[in-house]
Amino acid sequence: MRGLAARLLAPCLLAALAACASLEAETPAQRVFALKAEYRAVLALAVGYESLPRCPVAPTPVCSEPAVVDLLRRADGRAEIALDGAEQVVRSPAASEGAAALALEAAGAAVAVFRQLLIDEGIL
């Protein structure tokens, strides 16, 4: 039980640190990297859930539902695409502030959906 508690606590602490980092970010580039840090913390929880044995027909206390794993994978893919796009925009000298703001908003929303999915499924 002690190992399980440590595995669950570490990603939670990462998520808390990532949330603090995103509040302190000032430039668009800093916000992208703060969002990426938050994404990685959320991804660590999703990967931990995915690595659990799949639930049999009668669920056991520690298992992962294939349908939930599929949802997590799709949310992960969307968040990663949005984050990579935002990073490209904020790194481009030709990008306007408006474009950077829209890209950051989309990336933040994608990470928030990924995080909320973990909350809804009782993983976070």
N, C-alpha and C. Protein backbone atom coordinates (compact mmCIF):
# COMPACT_ATOMS: atom_id res chain seq x y z
N MET A 1 0.83 -1.20 0.00
CA MET A 1 0.00 0.00 0.00
C MET A 1 0.87 1.26 0.00
N ARG A 2 1.98 1.17 0.70
CA ARG A 2 2.85 2.33 0.80
C ARG A 2 3.37 2.75 -0.57
N GLY A 3 3.76 1.78 -1.42
CA GLY A 3 4.23 2.08 -2.77
C GLY A 3 3.15 2.73 -3.61
N LEU A 4 1.92 2.23 -3.48
CA LEU A 4 0.81 2.80 -4.23
C LEU A 4 0.55 4.24 -3.81
N ALA A 5 0.60 4.50 -2.52
CA ALA A 5 0.38 5.87 -2.03
C ALA A 5 1.46 6.81 -2.57
N ALA A 6 2.70 6.34 -2.59
CA ALA A 6 3.78 7.18 -3.10
C ALA A 6 3.62 7.44 -4.59
N ARG A 7 3.19 6.40 -5.35
CA ARG A 7 3.00 6.57 -6.78
C ARG A 7 1.86 7.54 -7.07
N LEU A 8 0.87 7.56 -6.23
CA LEU A 8 -0.26 8.47 -6.45
C LEU A 8 0.04 9.88 -5.95
N LEU A 9 0.83 10.00 -4.89
CA LEU A 9 1.12 11.30 -4.31
C LEU A 9 2.08 12.11 -5.18
N ALA A 10 3.09 11.48 -5.75
CA ALA A 10 4.09 12.20 -6.54
C ALA A 10 3.46 12.96 -7.71
N PRO A 11 2.62 12.35 -8.53
CA PRO A 11 2.01 13.12 -9.63
C PRO A 11 1.12 14.26 -9.13
N CYS A 12 0.48 14.07 -7.98
CA CYS A 12 -0.36 15.14 -7.43
C CYS A 12 0.49 16.35 -7.06
N LEU A 13 1.64 16.09 -6.49
CA LEU A 13 2.55 17.18 -6.16
C LEU A 13 3.05 17.86 -7.43
N LEU A 14 3.34 17.07 -8.47
CA LEU A 14 3.74 17.65 -9.75
C LEU A 14 2.65 18.55 -10.31
N ALA A 15 1.41 18.09 -10.22
CA ALA A 15 0.29 18.88 -10.74
C ALA A 15 0.17 20.20 -9.99
N ALA A 16 0.36 20.16 -8.68
CA ALA A 16 0.28 21.39 -7.87
C ALA A 16 1.40 22.36 -8.26
N LEU A 17 2.61 21.83 -8.45
CA LEU A 17 3.73 22.69 -8.85
C LEU A 17 3.50 23.28 -10.24
N ALA A 18 2.97 22.47 -11.14
CA ALA A 18 2.71 22.96 -12.49
C ALA A 18 1.66 24.06 -12.46
N ALA A 19 0.65 23.91 -11.63
CA ALA A 19 -0.39 24.94 -11.52
C ALA A 19 0.21 26.24 -11.01
N CYS A 20 1.11 26.16 -10.04
CA CYS A 20 1.76 27.36 -9.52
C CYS A 20 2.61 28.02 -10.61
N ALA A 21 3.31 27.20 -11.37
CA ALA A 21 4.17 27.75 -12.43
C ALA A 21 3.35 28.49 -13.47
N SER A 22 2.17 27.97 -13.81
CA SER A 22 1.37 28.63 -14.84
C SER A 22 0.83 29.96 -14.34
N LEU A 23 0.65 30.11 -13.04
CA LEU A 23 0.17 31.39 -12.50
C LEU A 23 1.26 32.45 -12.53
N GLU A 24 2.53 32.04 -12.44
CA GLU A 24 3.63 32.98 -12.41
C GLU A 24 4.15 33.35 -13.81
N ALA A 25 3.78 32.59 -14.81
CA ALA A 25 4.27 32.84 -16.17
C ALA A 25 3.78 34.20 -16.66
N GLU A 26 4.70 34.93 -17.28
CA GLU A 26 4.37 36.27 -17.74
C GLU A 26 4.31 36.39 -19.25
N THR A 27 5.26 35.81 -19.94
CA THR A 27 5.29 35.92 -21.40
C THR A 27 4.52 34.74 -22.01
N PRO A 28 4.10 34.88 -23.27
CA PRO A 28 3.43 33.75 -23.92
C PRO A 28 4.30 32.48 -23.91
N ALA A 29 5.59 32.62 -24.16
CA ALA A 29 6.47 31.45 -24.16
C ALA A 29 6.50 30.80 -22.77
N GLN A 30 6.58 31.61 -21.72
CA GLN A 30 6.57 31.06 -20.37
C GLN A 30 5.25 30.35 -20.08
N ARG A 31 4.14 30.90 -20.58
CA ARG A 31 2.84 30.26 -20.35
C ARG A 31 2.75 28.91 -21.07
N VAL A 32 3.30 28.84 -22.29
CA VAL A 32 3.31 27.56 -23.01
C VAL A 32 4.09 26.52 -22.21
N PHE A 33 5.26 26.89 -21.74
CA PHE A 33 6.08 25.93 -21.01
C PHE A 33 5.45 25.57 -19.66
N ALA A 34 4.75 26.50 -19.04
CA ALA A 34 4.03 26.18 -17.81
C ALA A 34 2.88 25.21 -18.11
N LEU A 35 2.19 25.43 -19.22
CA LEU A 35 1.12 24.50 -19.63
C LEU A 35 1.69 23.12 -19.94
N LYS A 36 2.86 23.10 -20.58
CA LYS A 36 3.49 21.81 -20.88
C LYS A 36 3.87 21.09 -19.59
N ALA A 37 4.31 21.82 -18.58
CA ALA A 37 4.64 21.20 -17.30
C ALA A 37 3.37 20.62 -16.65
N GLU A 38 2.28 21.37 -16.72
CA GLU A 38 1.01 20.87 -16.18
C GLU A 38 0.56 19.64 -16.96
N TYR A 39 0.70 19.70 -18.28
CA TYR A 39 0.33 18.57 -19.13
C TYR A 39 1.12 17.32 -18.74
N ARG A 40 2.42 17.48 -18.53
CA ARG A 40 3.25 16.33 -18.17
C ARG A 40 2.83 15.73 -16.83
N ALA A 41 2.42 16.56 -15.90
CA ALA A 41 1.95 16.06 -14.61
C ALA A 41 0.65 15.28 -14.78
N VAL A 42 -0.26 15.81 -15.59
CA VAL A 42 -1.52 15.13 -15.86
C VAL A 42 -1.25 13.84 -16.63
N LEU A 43 -0.35 13.90 -17.60
CA LEU A 43 0.00 12.72 -18.39
C LEU A 43 0.57 11.62 -17.50
N ALA A 44 1.38 12.00 -16.51
CA ALA A 44 1.95 11.00 -15.60
C ALA A 44 0.84 10.23 -14.88
N LEU A 45 -0.21 10.93 -14.48
CA LEU A 45 -1.34 10.26 -13.84
C LEU A 45 -2.06 9.35 -14.82
N ALA A 46 -2.25 9.82 -16.03
CA ALA A 46 -2.93 9.00 -17.05
C ALA A 46 -2.12 7.75 -17.37
N VAL A 47 -0.82 7.89 -17.48
CA VAL A 47 0.03 6.74 -17.77
C VAL A 47 0.00 5.75 -16.60
N GLY A 48 -0.01 6.27 -15.39
CA GLY A 48 -0.12 5.40 -14.22
C GLY A 48 -1.41 4.59 -14.23
N TYR A 49 -2.51 5.26 -14.58
CA TYR A 49 -3.79 4.57 -14.67
C TYR A 49 -3.76 3.54 -15.78
N GLU A 50 -3.23 3.93 -16.93
CA GLU A 50 -3.18 3.03 -18.07
C GLU A 50 -2.35 1.79 -17.78
N SER A 51 -1.32 1.92 -16.94
CA SER A 51 -0.44 0.79 -16.65
C SER A 51 -1.06 -0.23 -15.69
N LEU A 52 -2.19 0.13 -15.07
CA LEU A 52 -2.87 -0.83 -14.20
C LEU A 52 -3.40 -1.98 -15.04
N PRO A 53 -3.54 -3.16 -14.44
CA PRO A 53 -4.14 -4.26 -15.20
C PRO A 53 -5.56 -3.87 -15.62
N ARG A 54 -5.97 -4.34 -16.79
CA ARG A 54 -7.33 -4.05 -17.25
C ARG A 54 -8.33 -4.73 -16.34
N CYS A 55 -9.45 -4.06 -16.13
CA CYS A 55 -10.50 -4.59 -15.26
C CYS A 55 -11.17 -5.80 -15.92
N PRO A 56 -11.38 -6.84 -15.14
CA PRO A 56 -12.16 -7.95 -15.66
C PRO A 56 -13.64 -7.56 -15.69
N VAL A 57 -14.50 -8.48 -16.06
CA VAL A 57 -15.94 -8.18 -16.12
C VAL A 57 -16.43 -7.64 -14.78
N ALA A 58 -16.03 -8.27 -13.69
CA ALA A 58 -16.35 -7.76 -12.35
C ALA A 58 -15.13 -6.98 -11.88
N PRO A 59 -15.19 -5.62 -11.88
CA PRO A 59 -14.01 -4.80 -11.55
C PRO A 59 -13.41 -5.13 -10.20
N THR A 60 -12.08 -5.08 -10.17
CA THR A 60 -11.33 -5.24 -8.94
C THR A 60 -10.97 -3.85 -8.44
N PRO A 61 -10.49 -3.72 -7.21
CA PRO A 61 -10.18 -2.38 -6.68
C PRO A 61 -9.14 -1.59 -7.47
N VAL A 62 -8.15 -2.28 -8.06
CA VAL A 62 -7.10 -1.57 -8.78
C VAL A 62 -7.00 -2.13 -10.19
N CYS A 63 -7.66 -1.44 -11.11
CA CYS A 63 -7.63 -1.84 -12.52
C CYS A 63 -7.98 -0.64 -13.37
N SER A 64 -7.83 -0.78 -14.69
CA SER A 64 -8.17 0.31 -15.59
C SER A 64 -9.19 -0.17 -16.60
N GLU A 65 -10.19 0.66 -16.84
CA GLU A 65 -11.24 0.35 -17.80
C GLU A 65 -10.75 0.67 -19.22
N PRO A 66 -10.87 -0.25 -20.16
CA PRO A 66 -10.41 0.02 -21.53
C PRO A 66 -11.05 1.27 -22.13
N ALA A 67 -12.32 1.52 -21.86
CA ALA A 67 -12.98 2.71 -22.41
C ALA A 67 -12.37 3.99 -21.85
N VAL A 68 -12.00 3.98 -20.58
CA VAL A 68 -11.38 5.15 -19.96
C VAL A 68 -9.98 5.36 -20.53
N VAL A 69 -9.25 4.26 -20.71
CA VAL A 69 -7.91 4.37 -21.31
C VAL A 69 -8.02 5.00 -22.70
N ASP A 70 -9.02 4.60 -23.46
CA ASP A 70 -9.22 5.18 -24.80
C ASP A 70 -9.50 6.67 -24.71
N LEU A 71 -10.37 7.08 -23.78
CA LEU A 71 -10.66 8.51 -23.59
C LEU A 71 -9.39 9.28 -23.21
N LEU A 72 -8.60 8.70 -22.31
CA LEU A 72 -7.36 9.36 -21.88
C LEU A 72 -6.39 9.52 -23.05
N ARG A 73 -6.29 8.50 -23.87
CA ARG A 73 -5.38 8.58 -25.02
C ARG A 73 -5.81 9.66 -25.99
N ARG A 74 -7.12 9.76 -26.23
CA ARG A 74 -7.61 10.79 -27.15
C ARG A 74 -7.39 12.19 -26.57
N ALA A 75 -7.66 12.36 -25.27
CA ALA A 75 -7.45 13.66 -24.63
C ALA A 75 -5.97 14.03 -24.63
N ASP A 76 -5.12 13.03 -24.42
CA ASP A 76 -3.68 13.24 -24.46
C ASP A 76 -3.25 13.72 -25.83
N GLY A 77 -3.72 13.06 -26.87
CA GLY A 77 -3.35 13.44 -28.24
C GLY A 77 -3.77 14.86 -28.57
N ARG A 78 -4.98 15.22 -28.17
CA ARG A 78 -5.47 16.58 -28.44
C ARG A 78 -4.67 17.62 -27.68
N ALA A 79 -4.35 17.32 -26.41
CA ALA A 79 -3.57 18.27 -25.61
C ALA A 79 -2.18 18.45 -26.18
N GLU A 80 -1.57 17.35 -26.58
CA GLU A 80 -0.22 17.43 -27.13
C GLU A 80 -0.19 18.24 -28.42
N ILE A 81 -1.15 18.03 -29.29
CA ILE A 81 -1.22 18.80 -30.55
C ILE A 81 -1.41 20.29 -30.26
N ALA A 82 -2.33 20.61 -29.33
CA ALA A 82 -2.57 22.02 -28.99
C ALA A 82 -1.35 22.66 -28.37
N LEU A 83 -0.66 21.94 -27.49
CA LEU A 83 0.54 22.48 -26.85
C LEU A 83 1.66 22.70 -27.86
N ASP A 84 1.86 21.73 -28.75
CA ASP A 84 2.91 21.89 -29.76
C ASP A 84 2.59 23.07 -30.69
N GLY A 85 1.32 23.22 -31.04
CA GLY A 85 0.91 24.35 -31.87
C GLY A 85 1.15 25.68 -31.17
N ALA A 86 0.81 25.74 -29.88
CA ALA A 86 1.02 26.98 -29.13
C ALA A 86 2.50 27.29 -29.02
N GLU A 87 3.30 26.26 -28.83
CA GLU A 87 4.74 26.49 -28.74
C GLU A 87 5.28 27.05 -30.06
N GLN A 88 4.83 26.51 -31.18
CA GLN A 88 5.26 27.03 -32.48
C GLN A 88 4.86 28.49 -32.66
N VAL A 89 3.65 28.83 -32.25
CA VAL A 89 3.16 30.20 -32.41
C VAL A 89 3.99 31.16 -31.56
N VAL A 90 4.20 30.84 -30.28
CA VAL A 90 4.91 31.79 -29.42
C VAL A 90 6.40 31.88 -29.77
N ARG A 91 6.93 30.88 -30.44
CA ARG A 91 8.33 30.93 -30.86
C ARG A 91 8.51 31.68 -32.18
N SER A 92 7.42 31.89 -32.89
CA SER A 92 7.50 32.54 -34.19
C SER A 92 7.57 34.06 -34.02
N PRO A 93 8.61 34.68 -34.54
CA PRO A 93 8.70 36.14 -34.43
C PRO A 93 7.60 36.85 -35.22
N ALA A 94 7.02 36.16 -36.19
CA ALA A 94 5.98 36.78 -37.02
C ALA A 94 4.59 36.68 -36.39
N ALA A 95 4.45 35.90 -35.33
CA ALA A 95 3.13 35.71 -34.72
C ALA A 95 2.69 36.95 -33.96
N SER A 96 1.43 37.30 -34.12
CA SER A 96 0.90 38.46 -33.39
C SER A 96 0.55 38.05 -31.96
N GLU A 97 0.34 39.05 -31.12
CA GLU A 97 -0.08 38.78 -29.74
C GLU A 97 -1.43 38.09 -29.73
N GLY A 98 -2.31 38.46 -30.65
CA GLY A 98 -3.63 37.84 -30.72
C GLY A 98 -3.53 36.36 -31.07
N ALA A 99 -2.65 36.03 -32.01
CA ALA A 99 -2.46 34.63 -32.39
C ALA A 99 -1.90 33.83 -31.22
N ALA A 100 -0.96 34.44 -30.51
CA ALA A 100 -0.38 33.76 -29.35
C ALA A 100 -1.44 33.55 -28.27
N ALA A 101 -2.26 34.55 -28.04
CA ALA A 101 -3.32 34.42 -27.03
C ALA A 101 -4.30 33.32 -27.39
N LEU A 102 -4.69 33.24 -28.67
CA LEU A 102 -5.62 32.18 -29.10
C LEU A 102 -4.99 30.79 -28.97
N ALA A 103 -3.73 30.67 -29.35
CA ALA A 103 -3.04 29.39 -29.25
C ALA A 103 -2.90 28.96 -27.80
N LEU A 104 -2.59 29.92 -26.93
CA LEU A 104 -2.48 29.61 -25.50
C LEU A 104 -3.83 29.22 -24.91
N GLU A 105 -4.88 29.89 -25.34
CA GLU A 105 -6.22 29.56 -24.85
C GLU A 105 -6.61 28.14 -25.26
N ALA A 106 -6.31 27.79 -26.51
CA ALA A 106 -6.63 26.44 -27.00
C ALA A 106 -5.81 25.39 -26.25
N ALA A 107 -4.54 25.66 -26.03
CA ALA A 107 -3.69 24.70 -25.31
C ALA A 107 -4.15 24.55 -23.86
N GLY A 108 -4.46 25.67 -23.23
CA GLY A 108 -4.94 25.62 -21.84
C GLY A 108 -6.24 24.85 -21.73
N ALA A 109 -7.13 25.04 -22.69
CA ALA A 109 -8.41 24.32 -22.69
C ALA A 109 -8.20 22.83 -22.88
N ALA A 110 -7.28 22.46 -23.76
CA ALA A 110 -7.02 21.03 -24.00
C ALA A 110 -6.44 20.35 -22.77
N VAL A 111 -5.51 21.03 -22.09
CA VAL A 111 -4.94 20.47 -20.86
C VAL A 111 -6.02 20.40 -19.78
N ALA A 112 -6.87 21.41 -19.70
CA ALA A 112 -7.95 21.41 -18.70
C ALA A 112 -8.92 20.25 -18.94
N VAL A 113 -9.23 19.96 -20.20
CA VAL A 113 -10.12 18.83 -20.52
C VAL A 113 -9.46 17.53 -20.10
N PHE A 114 -8.17 17.38 -20.38
CA PHE A 114 -7.43 16.18 -20.01
C PHE A 114 -7.46 16.01 -18.49
N ARG A 115 -7.17 17.10 -17.75
CA ARG A 115 -7.18 17.06 -16.28
C ARG A 115 -8.57 16.73 -15.76
N GLN A 116 -9.61 17.36 -16.34
CA GLN A 116 -10.98 17.13 -15.88
C GLN A 116 -11.40 15.69 -16.11
N LEU A 117 -10.95 15.09 -17.18
CA LEU A 117 -11.25 13.68 -17.45
C LEU A 117 -10.69 12.81 -16.33
N LEU A 118 -9.47 13.11 -15.89
CA LEU A 118 -8.88 12.37 -14.77
C LEU A 118 -9.70 12.55 -13.49
N ILE A 119 -10.19 13.77 -13.28
CA ILE A 119 -11.01 14.04 -12.10
C ILE A 119 -12.33 13.29 -12.21
N ASP A 120 -12.97 13.38 -13.37
CA ASP A 120 -14.26 12.73 -13.57
C ASP A 120 -14.19 11.22 -13.39
N GLU A 121 -13.08 10.64 -13.77
CA GLU A 121 -12.92 9.19 -13.67
C GLU A 121 -12.34 8.75 -12.32
N GLY A 122 -12.11 9.72 -11.41
CA GLY A 122 -11.61 9.38 -10.07
C GLY A 122 -10.14 9.02 -10.03
N ILE A 123 -9.39 9.44 -11.04
CA ILE A 123 -7.96 9.13 -11.10
C ILE A 123 -7.15 10.21 -10.38
N LEU A 124 -7.62 11.44 -10.48
CA LEU A 124 -6.95 12.58 -9.84
C LEU A 124 -7.79 13.02 -8.67
